[in-house]
Amino acid sequence: MNTLKADIHIHTSEDPKEKIHYSAKQLIEGAHKKGYEVLAITNHNSLTYSRELKNYAEKFEILLIPGVEATIEKKHVLLYNIDYSEKIKTFSDLKKIKTEESLIIAPHPFFPSPVALQGKLLKNKDLFDAVEYCHFYFSWLNFNHKGVQFAEYNNLPMVGTSDSHSWWQFHTTYSLVQAEKSIKGVIKAIKQGKVEIVSSPLTLWCIWKMGLKLPYYLALDLITYFEKTTPSWKK
């Protein structure tokens, strides 16, 4: 088994819903310089994966896993190595196409966002193979806490990702996966919890980069983060 440096939640300029200033190939080149061996480009409702891109990644000794951040019942879900189609609109649809060799991760599930899974994760928890530990947090404010609790309570592994939409976000959080360097091997290892998260809180410089977006996130989080009630999955 190898220890593989991996980030499997990243957006690129091929994303149809985001304005991003680096392409899939530029991501691969930059990730190689930082020692990454496994990547998944997960653009919104769009599969950015081809034989050409796979071969390009291999030139940099990077395993590229096909992935997408799909919108299912208006919520974001990370899908890997799966026969994705925009016709997948419900969790029932997703259940029909899930296989042993696919991977389904809950991204930022309890973040204060309308696309976060929230209660949908609780209702469909048997569909998910892992929970994301997202880069977006501070030493004094961490939206990942409930996701950690949920994963521990339901015996699910966690995977650290950058969820990069800007280059400065890349390499802030990632995973070390003990796996054979193949799509099948990495997915199997993640499901078995052979993952170590490498992460650190965002800095004041990152706050400046976010600019006016930060007060928006903080305002949204007043209810969810400071909620003192027992998590609903423990009731």
Protein backbone atom coordinates (compact mmCIF):
# COMPACT_ATOMS: atom_id res chain seq x y z
CA MET A 1 0.00 0.00 0.00
CA ASN A 2 1.09 3.57 -0.73
CA THR A 3 0.43 6.76 1.16
CA LEU A 4 -1.22 8.90 -1.51
CA LYS A 5 -1.65 12.66 -1.21
CA ALA A 6 -5.15 13.37 -2.46
CA ASP A 7 -7.72 16.11 -2.99
CA ILE A 8 -10.98 14.90 -4.50
CA HIS A 9 -13.18 18.01 -4.36
CA ILE A 10 -11.90 20.73 -6.67
CA HIS A 11 -13.51 23.06 -9.22
CA THR A 12 -11.87 24.34 -12.39
CA SER A 13 -12.62 26.82 -15.20
CA GLU A 14 -14.57 24.08 -16.99
CA ASP A 15 -17.25 24.43 -14.29
CA PRO A 16 -20.42 25.72 -16.00
CA LYS A 17 -21.65 27.53 -12.87
CA GLU A 18 -18.49 29.17 -11.51
CA LYS A 19 -15.98 31.73 -12.76
CA ILE A 20 -12.66 30.06 -11.96
CA HIS A 21 -9.29 31.25 -13.20
CA TYR A 22 -7.40 27.96 -13.62
CA SER A 23 -8.16 25.09 -15.99
CA ALA A 24 -8.14 21.36 -15.32
CA LYS A 25 -4.68 21.05 -16.89
CA GLN A 26 -3.35 24.00 -14.89
CA LEU A 27 -4.70 22.35 -11.74
CA ILE A 28 -2.89 19.12 -12.57
CA GLU A 29 0.38 20.97 -13.20
CA GLY A 30 0.09 22.97 -9.96
CA ALA A 31 -0.94 19.92 -7.92
CA HIS A 32 2.07 17.99 -9.19
CA LYS A 33 4.38 20.72 -7.87
CA LYS A 34 2.79 20.30 -4.44
CA GLY A 35 3.25 16.54 -4.43
CA TYR A 36 -0.30 15.36 -5.13
CA GLU A 37 -0.81 11.87 -6.48
CA VAL A 38 -4.62 11.67 -6.60
CA LEU A 39 -7.10 14.29 -7.82
CA ALA A 40 -10.78 14.46 -8.69
CA ILE A 41 -12.22 17.44 -10.54
CA THR A 42 -15.78 17.85 -9.27
CA ASN A 43 -17.43 20.60 -11.27
CA HIS A 44 -21.11 21.34 -10.72
CA ASN A 45 -23.40 18.95 -12.58
CA SER A 46 -20.69 18.45 -15.19
CA LEU A 47 -18.20 15.62 -15.57
CA THR A 48 -14.74 17.04 -16.40
CA TYR A 49 -13.04 13.79 -17.28
CA SER A 50 -11.78 12.34 -20.55
CA ARG A 51 -9.13 9.97 -21.84
CA GLU A 52 -7.05 12.99 -22.86
CA LEU A 53 -7.24 14.55 -19.40
CA LYS A 54 -6.59 11.21 -17.70
CA ASN A 55 -3.48 10.70 -19.84
CA TYR A 56 -2.35 14.28 -19.19
CA ALA A 57 -2.58 13.66 -15.43
CA GLU A 58 -0.59 10.44 -15.80
CA LYS A 59 2.28 12.41 -17.34
CA PHE A 60 2.54 14.15 -13.96
CA GLU A 61 2.17 10.82 -12.09
CA ILE A 62 -1.31 11.80 -10.90
CA LEU A 63 -4.28 9.44 -10.75
CA LEU A 64 -7.40 11.28 -11.92
CA ILE A 65 -10.70 9.96 -10.56
CA PRO A 66 -13.89 10.87 -12.46
CA GLY A 67 -16.10 12.99 -10.21
CA VAL A 68 -18.89 15.52 -10.14
CA GLU A 69 -20.63 17.70 -7.56
CA ALA A 70 -24.19 16.88 -8.46
CA THR A 71 -27.35 18.67 -7.37
CA ILE A 72 -29.77 16.11 -5.97
CA GLU A 73 -33.09 17.42 -4.68
CA LYS A 74 -31.49 20.90 -4.61
CA LYS A 75 -28.60 19.67 -2.43
CA HIS A 76 -24.95 19.07 -3.32
CA VAL A 77 -23.62 15.51 -3.41
CA LEU A 78 -20.15 14.34 -4.48
CA LEU A 79 -20.21 11.39 -6.87
CA TYR A 80 -17.17 9.41 -8.03
CA ASN A 81 -16.68 6.68 -10.61
CA ILE A 82 -20.38 6.64 -11.29
CA ASP A 83 -22.48 6.72 -14.45
CA TYR A 84 -23.51 10.32 -13.96
CA SER A 85 -26.31 12.02 -15.87
CA GLU A 86 -28.12 15.28 -15.20
CA LYS A 87 -31.28 13.15 -15.23
CA ILE A 88 -30.33 12.00 -11.72
CA LYS A 89 -32.60 14.34 -9.77
CA THR A 90 -33.59 12.41 -6.66
CA PHE A 91 -31.94 10.24 -4.04
CA SER A 92 -34.04 7.35 -5.33
CA ASP A 93 -32.43 7.85 -8.76
CA LEU A 94 -29.01 7.83 -7.12
CA LYS A 95 -29.71 4.63 -5.22
CA LYS A 96 -30.45 2.84 -8.50
CA ILE A 97 -27.05 3.62 -10.04
CA LYS A 98 -24.84 3.22 -6.96
CA THR A 99 -22.37 0.34 -7.30
CA GLU A 100 -19.64 -1.31 -5.24
CA GLU A 101 -17.01 0.59 -7.23
CA SER A 102 -18.64 4.01 -6.87
CA LEU A 103 -18.12 6.50 -4.06
CA ILE A 104 -20.68 8.95 -2.65
CA ILE A 105 -19.55 11.66 -0.24
CA ALA A 106 -21.56 14.24 1.70
CA PRO A 107 -19.88 17.63 1.05
CA HIS A 108 -20.00 20.30 3.80
CA PRO A 109 -23.23 18.64 5.01
CA PHE A 110 -24.12 20.93 7.92
CA PHE A 111 -22.71 24.21 6.64
CA PRO A 112 -25.06 27.22 6.67
CA SER A 113 -25.86 26.98 2.98
CA PRO A 114 -29.07 26.23 1.05
CA VAL A 115 -27.21 23.53 -0.91
CA ALA A 116 -25.85 21.75 2.19
CA LEU A 117 -27.51 18.38 2.77
CA GLN A 118 -28.64 19.03 6.36
CA GLY A 119 -31.69 16.83 7.01
CA LYS A 120 -31.42 15.15 3.60
CA LEU A 121 -28.26 13.44 4.85
CA LEU A 122 -30.09 12.08 7.88
CA LYS A 123 -32.90 10.69 5.71
CA ASN A 124 -30.54 9.13 3.17
CA LYS A 125 -27.52 8.27 5.29
CA ASP A 126 -27.32 4.68 3.99
CA LEU A 127 -26.49 6.06 0.53
CA PHE A 128 -23.30 7.78 1.68
CA ASP A 129 -19.85 6.23 1.95
CA ALA A 130 -18.06 9.15 3.64
CA VAL A 131 -18.38 12.70 4.93
CA GLU A 132 -16.27 15.66 3.83
CA TYR A 133 -14.06 17.73 6.12
CA CYS A 134 -14.00 21.01 4.21
CA HIS A 135 -11.20 23.60 4.23
CA PHE A 136 -13.53 26.49 5.09
CA TYR A 137 -13.14 27.01 8.85
CA PHE A 138 -11.26 29.10 11.40
CA SER A 139 -9.79 28.36 14.81
CA TRP A 140 -12.75 30.18 16.34
CA LEU A 141 -15.46 29.02 13.91
CA ASN A 142 -15.67 25.55 12.39
CA PHE A 143 -18.66 24.48 10.32
CA ASN A 144 -17.33 20.91 10.19
CA HIS A 145 -18.14 20.04 13.81
CA LYS A 146 -21.57 18.55 13.15
CA GLY A 147 -20.24 16.58 10.21
CA VAL A 148 -17.59 15.06 12.45
CA GLN A 149 -20.22 14.13 15.04
CA PHE A 150 -22.45 12.61 12.38
CA ALA A 151 -19.61 10.59 10.86
CA GLU A 152 -18.51 9.25 14.25
CA TYR A 153 -22.05 8.36 15.28
CA ASN A 154 -22.72 6.54 12.01
CA ASN A 155 -19.26 4.97 11.70
CA LEU A 156 -18.49 6.73 8.42
CA PRO A 157 -15.00 7.83 7.33
CA MET A 158 -14.15 11.49 6.75
CA VAL A 159 -12.20 12.85 3.79
CA GLY A 160 -10.35 16.17 3.85
CA THR A 161 -10.75 18.33 0.75
CA SER A 162 -10.10 21.89 -0.35
CA ASP A 163 -13.35 22.39 -2.32
CA SER A 164 -11.23 24.89 -4.25
CA HIS A 165 -12.91 27.62 -6.27
CA SER A 166 -9.81 29.85 -6.08
CA TRP A 167 -6.18 28.79 -6.24
CA TRP A 168 -5.41 30.10 -2.75
CA GLN A 169 -7.87 27.54 -1.35
CA PHE A 170 -6.00 24.60 -2.85
CA HIS A 171 -3.68 22.74 -0.47
CA THR A 172 -5.40 24.16 2.64
CA THR A 173 -6.99 20.78 3.42
CA TYR A 174 -6.28 17.40 1.84
CA SER A 175 -6.11 13.68 2.60
CA LEU A 176 -3.45 11.01 2.88
CA VAL A 177 -4.94 7.73 1.68
CA GLN A 178 -3.37 4.33 2.31
CA ALA A 179 -4.21 2.66 -0.98
CA GLU A 180 -3.15 0.99 -4.19
CA LYS A 181 -2.76 3.75 -6.78
CA SER A 182 -5.83 2.96 -8.84
CA ILE A 183 -9.38 4.28 -8.93
CA LYS A 184 -10.70 1.05 -7.46
CA GLY A 185 -7.95 0.98 -4.82
CA VAL A 186 -8.45 4.57 -3.64
CA ILE A 187 -12.23 4.23 -3.45
CA LYS A 188 -11.95 0.99 -1.50
CA ALA A 189 -9.46 2.55 0.94
CA ILE A 190 -11.67 5.57 1.56
CA LYS A 191 -14.66 3.35 2.28
CA GLN A 192 -12.52 1.40 4.74
CA GLY A 193 -11.49 4.61 6.50
CA LYS A 194 -7.80 4.40 5.55
CA VAL A 195 -7.65 8.19 5.39
CA GLU A 196 -5.72 10.78 7.37
CA ILE A 197 -6.91 14.39 7.12
CA VAL A 198 -4.28 17.11 6.89
CA SER A 199 -5.74 20.52 7.63
CA SER A 200 -5.28 23.81 9.44
CA PRO A 201 -7.62 26.74 10.08
CA LEU A 202 -7.81 29.57 7.58
CA THR A 203 -5.79 32.68 8.39
CA LEU A 204 -6.50 36.40 8.58
CA TRP A 205 -5.09 36.67 5.05
CA CYS A 206 -7.81 34.29 3.88
CA ILE A 207 -10.43 36.46 5.54
CA TRP A 208 -9.14 39.39 3.51
CA LYS A 209 -9.32 37.29 0.34
CA MET A 210 -12.96 36.50 1.04
CA GLY A 211 -13.76 40.17 1.55
CA LEU A 212 -17.44 40.92 1.96
CA LYS A 213 -18.44 37.25 1.74
CA LEU A 214 -17.34 36.48 5.30
CA PRO A 215 -20.02 38.57 7.12
CA TYR A 216 -22.59 36.76 4.97
CA TYR A 217 -21.35 33.34 6.09
CA LEU A 218 -21.17 34.44 9.71
CA ALA A 219 -24.72 35.77 9.64
CA LEU A 220 -26.02 32.52 8.17
CA ASP A 221 -24.22 30.52 10.83
CA LEU A 222 -25.60 32.30 13.89
CA ILE A 223 -28.38 29.76 14.22
CA THR A 224 -26.64 26.53 13.18
CA TYR A 225 -23.22 26.94 14.79
CA PHE A 226 -24.35 28.19 18.17
CA GLU A 227 -27.25 25.77 18.42
CA LYS A 228 -26.97 23.91 21.73
CA THR A 229 -29.63 21.26 21.17
CA THR A 230 -28.81 17.57 20.84
CA PRO A 231 -27.96 16.65 17.24
CA SER A 232 -31.09 15.25 15.58
CA TRP A 233 -29.42 11.95 14.64
CA LYS A 234 -29.00 11.20 18.37
CA LYS A 235 -32.59 11.77 19.33
